[in-house]
């Protein structure tokens, strides 16, 4: 079980770095959604299923959706 926890922690760290280093907003939003999904898996592995479900709802769906809607509004796509 420790190996799975360490592997997920390394994936979360690598994805966080990828989110920060990505310069294109659309690609960064996709990476942010993947980061939220990996965090939900991490919480589940550490036996916190309630936090995991909340992270799926907020980190993988709601936050990236709000960022995409804001980008569309800024670029003039949704007037």
N, C-alpha and C. Protein backbone atom coordinates (compact mmCIF):
# COMPACT_ATOMS: atom_id res chain seq x y z
N UNK A 1 0.82 -1.20 0.00
CA UNK A 1 0.00 0.00 0.00
C UNK A 1 0.87 1.27 0.00
N UNK A 2 2.00 1.20 0.66
CA UNK A 2 2.89 2.35 0.71
C UNK A 2 3.39 2.71 -0.69
N UNK A 3 3.65 1.71 -1.52
CA UNK A 3 4.14 1.97 -2.87
C UNK A 3 3.09 2.70 -3.70
N UNK A 4 1.83 2.35 -3.53
CA UNK A 4 0.76 3.02 -4.25
C UNK A 4 0.65 4.47 -3.80
N UNK A 5 0.76 4.70 -2.50
CA UNK A 5 0.68 6.06 -1.97
C UNK A 5 1.82 6.92 -2.50
N UNK A 6 3.01 6.38 -2.51
CA UNK A 6 4.17 7.13 -3.01
C UNK A 6 4.02 7.39 -4.50
N UNK A 7 3.55 6.41 -5.25
CA UNK A 7 3.37 6.60 -6.70
C UNK A 7 2.34 7.70 -6.98
N UNK A 8 1.24 7.72 -6.25
CA UNK A 8 0.23 8.75 -6.45
C UNK A 8 0.77 10.12 -6.04
N UNK A 9 1.53 10.17 -4.95
CA UNK A 9 2.13 11.44 -4.53
C UNK A 9 3.08 11.99 -5.60
N UNK A 10 3.86 11.12 -6.21
CA UNK A 10 4.78 11.56 -7.27
C UNK A 10 3.99 12.05 -8.48
N UNK A 11 2.92 11.35 -8.84
CA UNK A 11 2.08 11.79 -9.97
C UNK A 11 1.43 13.13 -9.69
N UNK A 12 0.95 13.33 -8.46
CA UNK A 12 0.33 14.61 -8.09
C UNK A 12 1.37 15.73 -8.19
N UNK A 13 2.56 15.49 -7.68
CA UNK A 13 3.61 16.51 -7.75
C UNK A 13 3.99 16.83 -9.20
N UNK A 14 4.11 15.81 -10.02
CA UNK A 14 4.46 16.03 -11.43
C UNK A 14 3.36 16.79 -12.16
N UNK A 15 2.13 16.48 -11.86
CA UNK A 15 1.01 17.17 -12.50
C UNK A 15 0.92 18.61 -12.03
N UNK A 16 1.21 18.86 -10.77
CA UNK A 16 1.22 20.24 -10.26
C UNK A 16 2.27 21.07 -10.98
N UNK A 17 3.43 20.50 -11.19
CA UNK A 17 4.49 21.20 -11.93
C UNK A 17 4.04 21.44 -13.38
N UNK A 18 3.38 20.47 -13.96
CA UNK A 18 2.89 20.63 -15.34
C UNK A 18 1.86 21.75 -15.44
N UNK A 19 0.99 21.87 -14.44
CA UNK A 19 -0.01 22.94 -14.45
C UNK A 19 0.68 24.30 -14.39
N UNK A 20 1.68 24.41 -13.55
CA UNK A 20 2.37 25.69 -13.39
C UNK A 20 3.18 26.06 -14.62
N UNK A 21 3.80 25.08 -15.25
CA UNK A 21 4.68 25.37 -16.38
C UNK A 21 3.96 25.49 -17.71
N UNK A 22 2.71 25.09 -17.79
CA UNK A 22 1.95 25.19 -19.03
C UNK A 22 1.57 26.65 -19.27
N UNK A 23 1.83 27.14 -20.48
CA UNK A 23 1.59 28.55 -20.79
C UNK A 23 0.26 28.80 -21.50
N UNK A 24 -0.26 27.84 -22.21
CA UNK A 24 -1.52 27.99 -22.94
C UNK A 24 -2.68 27.79 -21.97
N UNK A 25 -3.61 28.76 -21.87
CA UNK A 25 -4.69 28.65 -20.88
C UNK A 25 -5.59 27.43 -21.04
N UNK A 26 -5.90 27.04 -22.26
CA UNK A 26 -6.75 25.87 -22.47
C UNK A 26 -6.04 24.59 -22.01
N UNK A 27 -4.79 24.44 -22.38
CA UNK A 27 -4.02 23.27 -21.95
C UNK A 27 -3.82 23.28 -20.43
N UNK A 28 -3.67 24.46 -19.87
CA UNK A 28 -3.51 24.57 -18.43
C UNK A 28 -4.79 24.17 -17.71
N UNK A 29 -5.92 24.49 -18.27
CA UNK A 29 -7.20 24.09 -17.68
C UNK A 29 -7.39 22.58 -17.73
N UNK A 30 -6.99 21.97 -18.82
CA UNK A 30 -7.08 20.51 -18.92
C UNK A 30 -6.15 19.86 -17.90
N UNK A 31 -4.94 20.40 -17.77
CA UNK A 31 -4.00 19.88 -16.78
C UNK A 31 -4.53 20.09 -15.37
N UNK A 32 -5.20 21.20 -15.12
CA UNK A 32 -5.80 21.47 -13.81
C UNK A 32 -6.89 20.46 -13.49
N UNK A 33 -7.68 20.10 -14.47
CA UNK A 33 -8.72 19.10 -14.27
C UNK A 33 -8.10 17.74 -13.95
N UNK A 34 -7.05 17.38 -14.67
CA UNK A 34 -6.36 16.12 -14.41
C UNK A 34 -5.72 16.13 -13.03
N UNK A 35 -5.19 17.29 -12.63
CA UNK A 35 -4.62 17.45 -11.29
C UNK A 35 -5.68 17.22 -10.21
N UNK A 36 -6.88 17.76 -10.42
CA UNK A 36 -7.97 17.55 -9.47
C UNK A 36 -8.37 16.09 -9.38
N UNK A 37 -8.37 15.41 -10.51
CA UNK A 37 -8.69 13.98 -10.51
C UNK A 37 -7.64 13.18 -9.76
N UNK A 38 -6.37 13.50 -9.96
CA UNK A 38 -5.30 12.81 -9.24
C UNK A 38 -5.37 13.10 -7.74
N UNK A 39 -5.73 14.31 -7.37
CA UNK A 39 -5.90 14.61 -5.95
C UNK A 39 -7.04 13.79 -5.34
N UNK A 40 -8.12 13.62 -6.10
CA UNK A 40 -9.23 12.80 -5.61
C UNK A 40 -8.78 11.36 -5.41
N UNK A 41 -7.99 10.84 -6.33
CA UNK A 41 -7.46 9.48 -6.17
C UNK A 41 -6.54 9.41 -4.95
N UNK A 42 -5.72 10.45 -4.76
CA UNK A 42 -4.83 10.49 -3.60
C UNK A 42 -5.62 10.46 -2.30
N UNK A 43 -6.67 11.26 -2.22
CA UNK A 43 -7.49 11.26 -1.00
C UNK A 43 -8.15 9.90 -0.78
N UNK A 44 -8.56 9.27 -1.86
CA UNK A 44 -9.18 7.95 -1.73
C UNK A 44 -8.18 6.91 -1.24
N UNK A 45 -6.94 6.98 -1.76
CA UNK A 45 -5.90 6.05 -1.33
C UNK A 45 -5.57 6.25 0.15
N UNK A 46 -5.63 7.50 0.61
CA UNK A 46 -5.38 7.79 2.02
C UNK A 46 -6.64 7.63 2.88
N UNK A 47 -7.63 6.95 2.36
CA UNK A 47 -8.86 6.55 3.06
C UNK A 47 -9.69 7.74 3.54
N UNK A 48 -9.91 8.69 2.64
CA UNK A 48 -10.79 9.82 2.90
C UNK A 48 -11.78 9.93 1.74
N UNK A 49 -12.74 9.00 1.65
CA UNK A 49 -13.63 9.00 0.48
C UNK A 49 -14.54 10.22 0.41
N UNK A 50 -14.92 10.80 1.54
CA UNK A 50 -15.77 11.98 1.50
C UNK A 50 -15.03 13.18 0.90
N UNK A 51 -13.78 13.34 1.27
CA UNK A 51 -12.97 14.42 0.70
C UNK A 51 -12.71 14.14 -0.77
N UNK A 52 -12.55 12.89 -1.12
CA UNK A 52 -12.32 12.50 -2.51
C UNK A 52 -13.52 12.87 -3.38
N UNK A 53 -14.71 12.60 -2.91
CA UNK A 53 -15.91 12.96 -3.68
C UNK A 53 -16.05 14.47 -3.84
N UNK A 54 -15.72 15.20 -2.78
CA UNK A 54 -15.76 16.66 -2.88
C UNK A 54 -14.74 17.18 -3.88
N UNK A 55 -13.57 16.58 -3.88
CA UNK A 55 -12.51 16.99 -4.81
C UNK A 55 -12.89 16.69 -6.25
N UNK A 56 -13.57 15.59 -6.48
CA UNK A 56 -14.03 15.28 -7.84
C UNK A 56 -15.00 16.35 -8.31
N UNK A 57 -15.93 16.72 -7.42
CA UNK A 57 -16.94 17.71 -7.81
C UNK A 57 -16.33 19.09 -8.04
N UNK A 58 -15.45 19.50 -7.15
CA UNK A 58 -14.91 20.86 -7.23
C UNK A 58 -13.66 20.92 -8.10
N UNK A 59 -12.68 20.09 -7.82
CA UNK A 59 -11.39 20.20 -8.49
C UNK A 59 -11.35 19.67 -9.90
N UNK A 60 -12.19 18.70 -10.20
CA UNK A 60 -12.15 18.09 -11.53
C UNK A 60 -13.24 18.62 -12.46
N UNK A 61 -14.30 19.19 -11.88
CA UNK A 61 -15.41 19.62 -12.73
C UNK A 61 -15.68 21.12 -12.60
N UNK A 62 -15.98 21.59 -11.40
CA UNK A 62 -16.45 22.96 -11.23
C UNK A 62 -15.37 24.00 -11.53
N UNK A 63 -14.20 23.84 -10.95
CA UNK A 63 -13.14 24.84 -11.15
C UNK A 63 -12.69 24.93 -12.61
N UNK A 64 -12.38 23.80 -13.28
CA UNK A 64 -12.02 23.94 -14.70
C UNK A 64 -13.15 24.51 -15.56
N UNK A 65 -14.39 24.18 -15.23
CA UNK A 65 -15.51 24.74 -15.98
C UNK A 65 -15.60 26.25 -15.81
N UNK A 66 -15.39 26.73 -14.58
CA UNK A 66 -15.40 28.18 -14.35
C UNK A 66 -14.25 28.87 -15.08
N UNK A 67 -13.09 28.25 -15.11
CA UNK A 67 -11.95 28.83 -15.83
C UNK A 67 -12.25 28.88 -17.33
N UNK A 68 -12.81 27.81 -17.87
CA UNK A 68 -13.14 27.81 -19.30
C UNK A 68 -14.20 28.85 -19.64
N UNK A 69 -15.20 29.00 -18.78
CA UNK A 69 -16.21 30.03 -19.02
C UNK A 69 -15.62 31.43 -18.94
N UNK A 70 -14.71 31.66 -18.01
CA UNK A 70 -14.05 32.96 -17.91
C UNK A 70 -13.19 33.23 -19.14
N UNK A 71 -12.48 32.21 -19.61
CA UNK A 71 -11.68 32.38 -20.83
C UNK A 71 -12.56 32.69 -22.03
N UNK A 72 -13.69 32.03 -22.14
CA UNK A 72 -14.60 32.28 -23.25
C UNK A 72 -15.15 33.71 -23.17
N UNK A 73 -15.43 34.18 -21.98
CA UNK A 73 -15.96 35.54 -21.82
C UNK A 73 -14.88 36.58 -22.16
N UNK A 74 -13.65 36.32 -21.72
CA UNK A 74 -12.57 37.26 -22.00
C UNK A 74 -12.27 37.33 -23.49
N UNK A 75 -12.26 36.18 -24.15
CA UNK A 75 -11.95 36.13 -25.58
C UNK A 75 -13.12 36.57 -26.45
N UNK A 76 -14.28 36.82 -25.85
CA UNK A 76 -15.42 37.29 -26.61
C UNK A 76 -16.25 36.19 -27.21
N UNK A 77 -16.05 34.97 -26.77
CA UNK A 77 -16.79 33.83 -27.31
C UNK A 77 -18.21 33.73 -26.78
N UNK A 78 -18.46 34.27 -25.59
CA UNK A 78 -19.79 34.17 -24.98
C UNK A 78 -20.27 35.56 -24.60
N UNK A 79 -20.83 36.25 -25.57
CA UNK A 79 -21.29 37.63 -25.31
C UNK A 79 -22.76 37.68 -25.03
